[in-house]
Amino acid sequence: DITLLIKPQWTIIDATRTMMSGGPQGPSKELKTPNMIIFSKDQVAADAYAAQTLFPPSAYNKVKYIQKAADMGIGVADISKMDIIEVAL
């Protein structure tokens, strides 16, 4: 709700190595290494992209706050409406 008052300049998600269980402190029995860093001026888009990239569709549908934030007008949750640029290093 605070983002309705103060909009962040950038959202940065470090997904170089992610815990798929046991988070945020761990330990985790399931680690993924997508080696991604996600930058966005739209925090909802960043979360939506990360969730849809890292989780299977059945799990992504359980992440209700992303669509709720989009419904509140905070950002975009539909990946098809995003301008995604991937840069490999």
PDB file of N, CA and C in Angstrom:
ATOM      1  N   ASP A   1       0.804  -1.196   0.000  1.00  0.00           N
ATOM      2  CA  ASP A   1       0.000   0.000   0.000  1.00  0.00           C
ATOM      3  C   ASP A   1       0.850   1.263   0.000  1.00  0.00           C
ATOM      4  N   ILE A   2       2.051   1.194   0.552  1.00  0.00           N
ATOM      5  CA  ILE A   2       2.887   2.396   0.614  1.00  0.00           C
ATOM      6  C   ILE A   2       3.245   2.902  -0.783  1.00  0.00           C
ATOM      7  N   THR A   3       3.265   1.991  -1.759  1.00  0.00           N
ATOM      8  CA  THR A   3       3.621   2.420  -3.114  1.00  0.00           C
ATOM      9  C   THR A   3       2.532   3.249  -3.776  1.00  0.00           C
ATOM     10  N   LEU A   4       1.365   3.315  -3.161  1.00  0.00           N
ATOM     11  CA  LEU A   4       0.343   4.237  -3.650  1.00  0.00           C
ATOM     12  C   LEU A   4       0.732   5.677  -3.312  1.00  0.00           C
ATOM     13  N   LEU A   5       1.566   5.847  -2.289  1.00  0.00           N
ATOM     14  CA  LEU A   5       2.022   7.173  -1.879  1.00  0.00           C
ATOM     15  C   LEU A   5       3.400   7.520  -2.425  1.00  0.00           C
ATOM     16  N   ILE A   6       4.301   6.542  -2.381  1.00  0.00           N
ATOM     17  CA  ILE A   6       5.693   6.768  -2.803  1.00  0.00           C
ATOM     18  C   ILE A   6       6.046   5.705  -3.834  1.00  0.00           C
ATOM     19  N   LYS A   7       6.248   6.122  -5.074  1.00  0.00           N
ATOM     20  CA  LYS A   7       6.588   5.168  -6.128  1.00  0.00           C
ATOM     21  C   LYS A   7       8.115   5.051  -6.222  1.00  0.00           C
ATOM     22  N   PRO A   8       8.636   3.823  -6.151  1.00  0.00           N
ATOM     23  CA  PRO A   8      10.093   3.653  -6.271  1.00  0.00           C
ATOM     24  C   PRO A   8      10.584   4.034  -7.671  1.00  0.00           C
ATOM     25  N   GLN A   9      11.813   4.530  -7.742  1.00  0.00           N
ATOM     26  CA  GLN A   9      12.412   4.879  -9.028  1.00  0.00           C
ATOM     27  C   GLN A   9      12.730   3.611  -9.827  1.00  0.00           C
ATOM     28  N   TRP A  10      13.296   2.629  -9.170  1.00  0.00           N
ATOM     29  CA  TRP A  10      13.673   1.361  -9.806  1.00  0.00           C
ATOM     30  C   TRP A  10      13.354   0.212  -8.867  1.00  0.00           C
ATOM     31  N   THR A  11      13.042  -0.928  -9.444  1.00  0.00           N
ATOM     32  CA  THR A  11      12.927  -2.180  -8.700  1.00  0.00           C
ATOM     33  C   THR A  11      13.993  -3.106  -9.253  1.00  0.00           C
ATOM     34  N   ILE A  12      14.796  -3.664  -8.366  1.00  0.00           N
ATOM     35  CA  ILE A  12      15.872  -4.565  -8.771  1.00  0.00           C
ATOM     36  C   ILE A  12      15.676  -5.891  -8.041  1.00  0.00           C
ATOM     37  N   ILE A  13      15.592  -6.963  -8.813  1.00  0.00           N
ATOM     38  CA  ILE A  13      15.445  -8.306  -8.243  1.00  0.00           C
ATOM     39  C   ILE A  13      16.698  -9.100  -8.575  1.00  0.00           C
ATOM     40  N   ASP A  14      17.381  -9.531  -7.538  1.00  0.00           N
ATOM     41  CA  ASP A  14      18.574 -10.366  -7.716  1.00  0.00           C
ATOM     42  C   ASP A  14      18.130 -11.820  -7.763  1.00  0.00           C
ATOM     43  N   ALA A  15      18.088 -12.364  -8.954  1.00  0.00           N
ATOM     44  CA  ALA A  15      17.700 -13.767  -9.135  1.00  0.00           C
ATOM     45  C   ALA A  15      18.878 -14.558  -9.690  1.00  0.00           C
ATOM     46  N   THR A  16      20.074 -14.208  -9.238  1.00  0.00           N
ATOM     47  CA  THR A  16      21.229 -14.982  -9.682  1.00  0.00           C
ATOM     48  C   THR A  16      21.193 -16.384  -9.088  1.00  0.00           C
ATOM     49  N   ARG A  17      20.768 -16.458  -7.845  1.00  0.00           N
ATOM     50  CA  ARG A  17      20.579 -17.738  -7.165  1.00  0.00           C
ATOM     51  C   ARG A  17      19.382 -17.581  -6.244  1.00  0.00           C
ATOM     52  N   THR A  18      18.388 -18.437  -6.381  1.00  0.00           N
ATOM     53  CA  THR A  18      17.152 -18.275  -5.617  1.00  0.00           C
ATOM     54  C   THR A  18      16.801 -19.524  -4.829  1.00  0.00           C
ATOM     55  N   MET A  19      16.290 -19.284  -3.630  1.00  0.00           N
ATOM     56  CA  MET A  19      15.785 -20.383  -2.801  1.00  0.00           C
ATOM     57  C   MET A  19      14.330 -20.607  -3.162  1.00  0.00           C
ATOM     58  N   MET A  20      13.975 -21.801  -3.531  1.00  0.00           N
ATOM     59  CA  MET A  20      12.600 -22.115  -3.909  1.00  0.00           C
ATOM     60  C   MET A  20      11.802 -22.654  -2.727  1.00  0.00           C
ATOM     61  N   SER A  21      12.462 -22.854  -1.601  1.00  0.00           N
ATOM     62  CA  SER A  21      11.802 -23.265  -0.369  1.00  0.00           C
ATOM     63  C   SER A  21      12.659 -22.777   0.793  1.00  0.00           C
ATOM     64  N   GLY A  22      12.065 -22.704   1.968  1.00  0.00           N
ATOM     65  CA  GLY A  22      12.836 -22.356   3.161  1.00  0.00           C
ATOM     66  C   GLY A  22      13.244 -20.903   3.259  1.00  0.00           C
ATOM     67  N   GLY A  23      12.715 -20.039   2.400  1.00  0.00           N
ATOM     68  CA  GLY A  23      13.135 -18.645   2.411  1.00  0.00           C
ATOM     69  C   GLY A  23      12.395 -17.834   3.451  1.00  0.00           C
ATOM     70  N   PRO A  24      12.851 -16.665   3.780  1.00  0.00           N
ATOM     71  CA  PRO A  24      14.014 -16.027   3.178  1.00  0.00           C
ATOM     72  C   PRO A  24      15.333 -16.371   3.857  1.00  0.00           C
ATOM     73  N   GLN A  25      15.308 -16.970   5.037  1.00  0.00           N
ATOM     74  CA  GLN A  25      16.556 -17.209   5.745  1.00  0.00           C
ATOM     75  C   GLN A  25      17.215 -18.540   5.422  1.00  0.00           C
ATOM     76  N   GLY A  26      16.454 -19.505   4.881  1.00  0.00           N
ATOM     77  CA  GLY A  26      17.017 -20.808   4.559  1.00  0.00           C
ATOM     78  C   GLY A  26      17.083 -21.684   5.787  1.00  0.00           C
ATOM     79  N   PRO A  27      17.677 -22.822   5.711  1.00  0.00           N
ATOM     80  CA  PRO A  27      18.269 -23.391   4.505  1.00  0.00           C
ATOM     81  C   PRO A  27      17.197 -23.867   3.528  1.00  0.00           C
ATOM     82  N   SER A  28      17.605 -23.992   2.288  1.00  0.00           N
ATOM     83  CA  SER A  28      16.683 -24.423   1.249  1.00  0.00           C
ATOM     84  C   SER A  28      17.149 -25.732   0.652  1.00  0.00           C
ATOM     85  N   LYS A  29      16.220 -26.642   0.466  1.00  0.00           N
ATOM     86  CA  LYS A  29      16.546 -27.921  -0.175  1.00  0.00           C
ATOM     87  C   LYS A  29      16.509 -27.802  -1.685  1.00  0.00           C
ATOM     88  N   GLU A  30      15.937 -26.696  -2.173  1.00  0.00           N
ATOM     89  CA  GLU A  30      15.825 -26.517  -3.621  1.00  0.00           C
ATOM     90  C   GLU A  30      16.337 -25.130  -4.011  1.00  0.00           C
ATOM     91  N   LEU A  31      17.489 -25.100  -4.662  1.00  0.00           N
ATOM     92  CA  LEU A  31      18.060 -23.858  -5.163  1.00  0.00           C
ATOM     93  C   LEU A  31      18.011 -23.850  -6.685  1.00  0.00           C
ATOM     94  N   LYS A  32      17.690 -22.693  -7.248  1.00  0.00           N
ATOM     95  CA  LYS A  32      17.763 -22.500  -8.695  1.00  0.00           C
ATOM     96  C   LYS A  32      18.811 -21.435  -8.959  1.00  0.00           C
ATOM     97  N   THR A  33      19.475 -21.560 -10.081  1.00  0.00           N
ATOM     98  CA  THR A  33      20.454 -20.546 -10.465  1.00  0.00           C
ATOM     99  C   THR A  33      20.111 -19.997 -11.847  1.00  0.00           C
ATOM    100  N   PRO A  34      19.086 -19.146 -11.915  1.00  0.00           N
ATOM    101  CA  PRO A  34      18.709 -18.581 -13.210  1.00  0.00           C
ATOM    102  C   PRO A  34      19.694 -17.529 -13.709  1.00  0.00           C
ATOM    103  N   ASN A  35      20.600 -17.075 -12.831  1.00  0.00           N
ATOM    104  CA  ASN A  35      21.604 -16.068 -13.203  1.00  0.00           C
ATOM    105  C   ASN A  35      20.971 -14.860 -13.881  1.00  0.00           C
ATOM    106  N   MET A  36      19.930 -14.318 -13.244  1.00  0.00           N
ATOM    107  CA  MET A  36      19.238 -13.139 -13.770  1.00  0.00           C
ATOM    108  C   MET A  36      19.256 -12.022 -12.742  1.00  0.00           C
ATOM    109  N   ILE A  37      19.320 -10.820 -13.227  1.00  0.00           N
ATOM    110  CA  ILE A  37      19.035  -9.642 -12.430  1.00  0.00           C
ATOM    111  C   ILE A  37      17.965  -8.889 -13.206  1.00  0.00           C
ATOM    112  N   ILE A  38      16.868  -8.600 -12.546  1.00  0.00           N
ATOM    113  CA  ILE A  38      15.726  -7.967 -13.199  1.00  0.00           C
ATOM    114  C   ILE A  38      15.657  -6.512 -12.743  1.00  0.00           C
ATOM    115  N   PHE A  39      15.655  -5.587 -13.699  1.00  0.00           N
ATOM    116  CA  PHE A  39      15.525  -4.155 -13.432  1.00  0.00           C
ATOM    117  C   PHE A  39      14.225  -3.686 -14.059  1.00  0.00           C
ATOM    118  N   SER A  40      13.497  -2.864 -13.340  1.00  0.00           N
ATOM    119  CA  SER A  40      12.269  -2.313 -13.911  1.00  0.00           C
ATOM    120  C   SER A  40      11.881  -1.038 -13.176  1.00  0.00           C
ATOM    121  N   LYS A  41      11.290  -0.122 -13.887  1.00  0.00           N
ATOM    122  CA  LYS A  41      10.705   1.057 -13.247  1.00  0.00           C
ATOM    123  C   LYS A  41       9.304   0.725 -12.728  1.00  0.00           C
ATOM    124  N   ASP A  42       8.801  -0.442 -13.086  1.00  0.00           N
ATOM    125  CA  ASP A  42       7.472  -0.908 -12.665  1.00  0.00           C
ATOM    126  C   ASP A  42       7.669  -2.105 -11.745  1.00  0.00           C
ATOM    127  N   GLN A  43       7.405  -1.899 -10.467  1.00  0.00           N
ATOM    128  CA  GLN A  43       7.649  -2.962  -9.490  1.00  0.00           C
ATOM    129  C   GLN A  43       6.738  -4.168  -9.673  1.00  0.00           C
ATOM    130  N   VAL A  44       5.526  -3.951 -10.125  1.00  0.00           N
ATOM    131  CA  VAL A  44       4.607  -5.064 -10.359  1.00  0.00           C
ATOM    132  C   VAL A  44       5.098  -5.894 -11.544  1.00  0.00           C
ATOM    133  N   ALA A  45       5.542  -5.219 -12.593  1.00  0.00           N
ATOM    134  CA  ALA A  45       6.071  -5.921 -13.759  1.00  0.00           C
ATOM    135  C   ALA A  45       7.296  -6.745 -13.386  1.00  0.00           C
ATOM    136  N   ALA A  46       8.168  -6.198 -12.552  1.00  0.00           N
ATOM    137  CA  ALA A  46       9.362  -6.936 -12.123  1.00  0.00           C
ATOM    138  C   ALA A  46       8.975  -8.202 -11.375  1.00  0.00           C
ATOM    139  N   ASP A  47       8.051  -8.087 -10.433  1.00  0.00           N
ATOM    140  CA  ASP A  47       7.606  -9.265  -9.681  1.00  0.00           C
ATOM    141  C   ASP A  47       6.893 -10.267 -10.577  1.00  0.00           C
ATOM    142  N   ALA A  48       6.057  -9.770 -11.479  1.00  0.00           N
ATOM    143  CA  ALA A  48       5.326 -10.669 -12.382  1.00  0.00           C
ATOM    144  C   ALA A  48       6.299 -11.434 -13.280  1.00  0.00           C
ATOM    145  N   TYR A  49       7.272 -10.728 -13.836  1.00  0.00           N
ATOM    146  CA  TYR A  49       8.249 -11.383 -14.704  1.00  0.00           C
ATOM    147  C   TYR A  49       9.054 -12.418 -13.915  1.00  0.00           C
ATOM    148  N   ALA A  50       9.506 -12.050 -12.731  1.00  0.00           N
ATOM    149  CA  ALA A  50      10.283 -12.984 -11.908  1.00  0.00           C
ATOM    150  C   ALA A  50       9.452 -14.210 -11.554  1.00  0.00           C
ATOM    151  N   ALA A  51       8.221 -13.995 -11.123  1.00  0.00           N
ATOM    152  CA  ALA A  51       7.369 -15.121 -10.719  1.00  0.00           C
ATOM    153  C   ALA A  51       7.058 -16.043 -11.889  1.00  0.00           C
ATOM    154  N   GLN A  52       6.758 -15.460 -13.046  1.00  0.00           N
ATOM    155  CA  GLN A  52       6.421 -16.297 -14.198  1.00  0.00           C
ATOM    156  C   GLN A  52       7.645 -16.986 -14.777  1.00  0.00           C
ATOM    157  N   THR A  53       8.821 -16.425 -14.553  1.00  0.00           N
ATOM    158  CA  THR A  53      10.052 -17.027 -15.055  1.00  0.00           C
ATOM    159  C   THR A  53      10.546 -18.136 -14.125  1.00  0.00           C
ATOM    160  N   LEU A  54      10.406 -17.927 -12.821  1.00  0.00           N
ATOM    161  CA  LEU A  54      10.983 -18.855 -11.851  1.00  0.00           C
ATOM    162  C   LEU A  54      10.051 -19.972 -11.419  1.00  0.00           C
ATOM    163  N   PHE A  55       8.734 -19.708 -11.412  1.00  0.00           N
ATOM    164  CA  PHE A  55       7.786 -20.684 -10.904  1.00  0.00           C
ATOM    165  C   PHE A  55       7.006 -21.343 -12.026  1.00  0.00           C
ATOM    166  N   PRO A  56       6.569 -22.587 -11.830  1.00  0.00           N
ATOM    167  CA  PRO A  56       5.673 -23.207 -12.810  1.00  0.00           C
ATOM    168  C   PRO A  56       4.320 -22.491 -12.773  1.00  0.00           C
ATOM    169  N   PRO A  57       3.544 -22.563 -13.860  1.00  0.00           N
ATOM    170  CA  PRO A  57       2.258 -21.855 -13.911  1.00  0.00           C
ATOM    171  C   PRO A  57       1.331 -22.162 -12.731  1.00  0.00           C
ATOM    172  N   SER A  58       1.332 -23.385 -12.258  1.00  0.00           N
ATOM    173  CA  SER A  58       0.450 -23.729 -11.139  1.00  0.00           C
ATOM    174  C   SER A  58       0.833 -22.970  -9.870  1.00  0.00           C
ATOM    175  N   ALA A  59       2.113 -22.720  -9.669  1.00  0.00           N
ATOM    176  CA  ALA A  59       2.567 -21.977  -8.492  1.00  0.00           C
ATOM    177  C   ALA A  59       2.381 -20.480  -8.693  1.00  0.00           C
ATOM    178  N   TYR A  60       2.603 -19.995  -9.922  1.00  0.00           N
ATOM    179  CA  TYR A  60       2.448 -18.566 -10.186  1.00  0.00           C
ATOM    180  C   TYR A  60       1.024 -18.107  -9.886  1.00  0.00           C
ATOM    181  N   ASN A  61       0.043 -18.941 -10.181  1.00  0.00           N
ATOM    182  CA  ASN A  61      -1.354 -18.574  -9.936  1.00  0.00           C
ATOM    183  C   ASN A  61      -1.655 -18.377  -8.453  1.00  0.00           C
ATOM    184  N   LYS A  62      -0.780 -18.875  -7.582  1.00  0.00           N
ATOM    185  CA  LYS A  62      -0.967 -18.703  -6.143  1.00  0.00           C
ATOM    186  C   LYS A  62      -0.387 -17.379  -5.637  1.00  0.00           C
ATOM    187  N   VAL A  63       0.333 -16.664  -6.476  1.00  0.00           N
ATOM    188  CA  VAL A  63       0.930 -15.383  -6.085  1.00  0.00           C
ATOM    189  C   VAL A  63      -0.109 -14.297  -6.342  1.00  0.00           C
ATOM    190  N   LYS A  64      -1.036 -14.166  -5.426  1.00  0.00           N
ATOM    191  CA  LYS A  64      -2.208 -13.297  -5.614  1.00  0.00           C
ATOM    192  C   LYS A  64      -1.878 -11.808  -5.546  1.00  0.00           C
ATOM    193  N   TYR A  65      -0.838 -11.429  -4.788  1.00  0.00           N
ATOM    194  CA  TYR A  65      -0.582 -10.001  -4.592  1.00  0.00           C
ATOM    195  C   TYR A  65      -0.198  -9.291  -5.885  1.00  0.00           C
ATOM    196  N   ILE A  66       0.363  -9.999  -6.848  1.00  0.00           N
ATOM    197  CA  ILE A  66       0.781  -9.355  -8.099  1.00  0.00           C
ATOM    198  C   ILE A  66      -0.442  -8.840  -8.859  1.00  0.00           C
ATOM    199  N   GLN A  67      -1.446  -9.668  -9.027  1.00  0.00           N
ATOM    200  CA  GLN A  67      -2.651  -9.220  -9.726  1.00  0.00           C
ATOM    201  C   GLN A  67      -3.406  -8.174  -8.917  1.00  0.00           C
ATOM    202  N   LYS A  68      -3.403  -8.313  -7.590  1.00  0.00           N
ATOM    203  CA  LYS A  68      -4.062  -7.305  -6.753  1.00  0.00           C
ATOM    204  C   LYS A  68      -3.397  -5.941  -6.928  1.00  0.00           C
ATOM    205  N   ALA A  69      -2.066  -5.918  -6.985  1.00  0.00           N
ATOM    206  CA  ALA A  69      -1.341  -4.658  -7.185  1.00  0.00           C
ATOM    207  C   ALA A  69      -1.658  -4.066  -8.558  1.00  0.00           C
ATOM    208  N   ALA A  70      -1.747  -4.912  -9.562  1.00  0.00           N
ATOM    209  CA  ALA A  70      -2.106  -4.437 -10.908  1.00  0.00           C
ATOM    210  C   ALA A  70      -3.523  -3.876 -10.906  1.00  0.00           C
ATOM    211  N   ASP A  71      -4.439  -4.537 -10.219  1.00  0.00           N
ATOM    212  CA  ASP A  71      -5.821  -4.061 -10.137  1.00  0.00           C
ATOM    213  C   ASP A  71      -5.912  -2.712  -9.424  1.00  0.00           C
ATOM    214  N   MET A  72      -4.972  -2.441  -8.513  1.00  0.00           N
ATOM    215  CA  MET A  72      -4.941  -1.163  -7.802  1.00  0.00           C
ATOM    216  C   MET A  72      -4.294  -0.063  -8.647  1.00  0.00           C
ATOM    217  N   GLY A  73      -3.758  -0.430  -9.816  1.00  0.00           N
ATOM    218  CA  GLY A  73      -3.136   0.554 -10.688  1.00  0.00           C
ATOM    219  C   GLY A  73      -1.686   0.852 -10.368  1.00  0.00           C
ATOM    220  N   ILE A  74      -1.051  -0.012  -9.575  1.00  0.00           N
ATOM    221  CA  ILE A  74       0.341   0.205  -9.187  1.00  0.00           C
ATOM    222  C   ILE A  74       1.294  -0.138 -10.328  1.00  0.00           C
ATOM    223  N   GLY A  75       0.934  -1.120 -11.159  1.00  0.00           N
ATOM    224  CA  GLY A  75       1.798  -1.516 -12.263  1.00  0.00           C
ATOM    225  C   GLY A  75       1.123  -2.535 -13.154  1.00  0.00           C
ATOM    226  N   VAL A  76       1.910  -3.134 -14.042  1.00  0.00           N
ATOM    227  CA  VAL A  76       1.426  -4.083 -15.045  1.00  0.00           C
ATOM    228  C   VAL A  76       1.815  -5.505 -14.636  1.00  0.00           C
ATOM    229  N   ALA A  77       0.842  -6.412 -14.660  1.00  0.00           N
ATOM    230  CA  ALA A  77       1.109  -7.809 -14.313  1.00  0.00           C
ATOM    231  C   ALA A  77       1.125  -8.726 -15.527  1.00  0.00           C
ATOM    232  N   ASP A  78       0.667  -8.237 -16.661  1.00  0.00           N
ATOM    233  CA  ASP A  78       0.557  -9.048 -17.879  1.00  0.00           C
ATOM    234  C   ASP A  78       1.853  -8.947 -18.686  1.00  0.00           C
ATOM    235  N   ILE A  79       2.596 -10.045 -18.747  1.00  0.00           N
ATOM    236  CA  ILE A  79       3.892 -10.047 -19.441  1.00  0.00           C
ATOM    237  C   ILE A  79       3.747  -9.685 -20.916  1.00  0.00           C
ATOM    238  N   SER A  80       2.625 -10.035 -21.530  1.00  0.00           N
ATOM    239  CA  SER A  80       2.447  -9.725 -22.951  1.00  0.00           C
ATOM    240  C   SER A  80       2.380  -8.212 -23.203  1.00  0.00           C
ATOM    241  N   LYS A  81       2.154  -7.426 -22.167  1.00  0.00           N
ATOM    242  CA  LYS A  81       2.080  -5.971 -22.307  1.00  0.00           C
ATOM    243  C   LYS A  81       3.385  -5.279 -21.918  1.00  0.00           C
ATOM    244  N   MET A  82       4.432  -6.067 -21.662  1.00  0.00           N
ATOM    245  CA  MET A  82       5.727  -5.517 -21.220  1.00  0.00           C
ATOM    246  C   MET A  82       6.695  -5.466 -22.379  1.00  0.00           C
ATOM    247  N   ASP A  83       7.571  -4.501 -22.322  1.00  0.00           N
ATOM    248  CA  ASP A  83       8.675  -4.400 -23.283  1.00  0.00           C
ATOM    249  C   ASP A  83       9.901  -4.984 -22.580  1.00  0.00           C
ATOM    250  N   ILE A  84      10.161  -6.254 -22.817  1.00  0.00           N
ATOM    251  CA  ILE A  84      11.238  -6.971 -22.111  1.00  0.00           C
ATOM    252  C   ILE A  84      12.486  -6.989 -22.974  1.00  0.00           C
ATOM    253  N   ILE A  85      13.582  -6.567 -22.382  1.00  0.00           N
ATOM    254  CA  ILE A  85      14.878  -6.576 -23.066  1.00  0.00           C
ATOM    255  C   ILE A  85      15.802  -7.472 -22.276  1.00  0.00           C
ATOM    256  N   GLU A  86      16.305  -8.512 -22.913  1.00  0.00           N
ATOM    257  CA  GLU A  86      17.237  -9.417 -22.260  1.00  0.00           C
ATOM    258  C   GLU A  86      18.646  -9.126 -22.753  1.00  0.00           C
ATOM    259  N   VAL A  87      19.567  -9.040 -21.794  1.00  0.00           N
ATOM    260  CA  VAL A  87      20.962  -8.770 -22.115  1.00  0.00           C
ATOM    261  C   VAL A  87      21.798  -9.892 -21.525  1.00  0.00           C
ATOM    262  N   ALA A  88      22.550 -10.572 -22.337  1.00  0.00           N
ATOM    263  CA  ALA A  88      23.428 -11.640 -21.863  1.00  0.00           C
ATOM    264  C   ALA A  88      24.835 -11.096 -21.694  1.00  0.00           C
ATOM    265  N   LEU A  89      25.450 -11.426 -20.592  1.00  0.00           N
ATOM    266  CA  LEU A  89      26.829 -10.981 -20.327  1.00  0.00           C
ATOM    267  C   LEU A  89      27.771 -12.148 -20.273  1.00  0.00           C
TER     268      LEU A  89
END
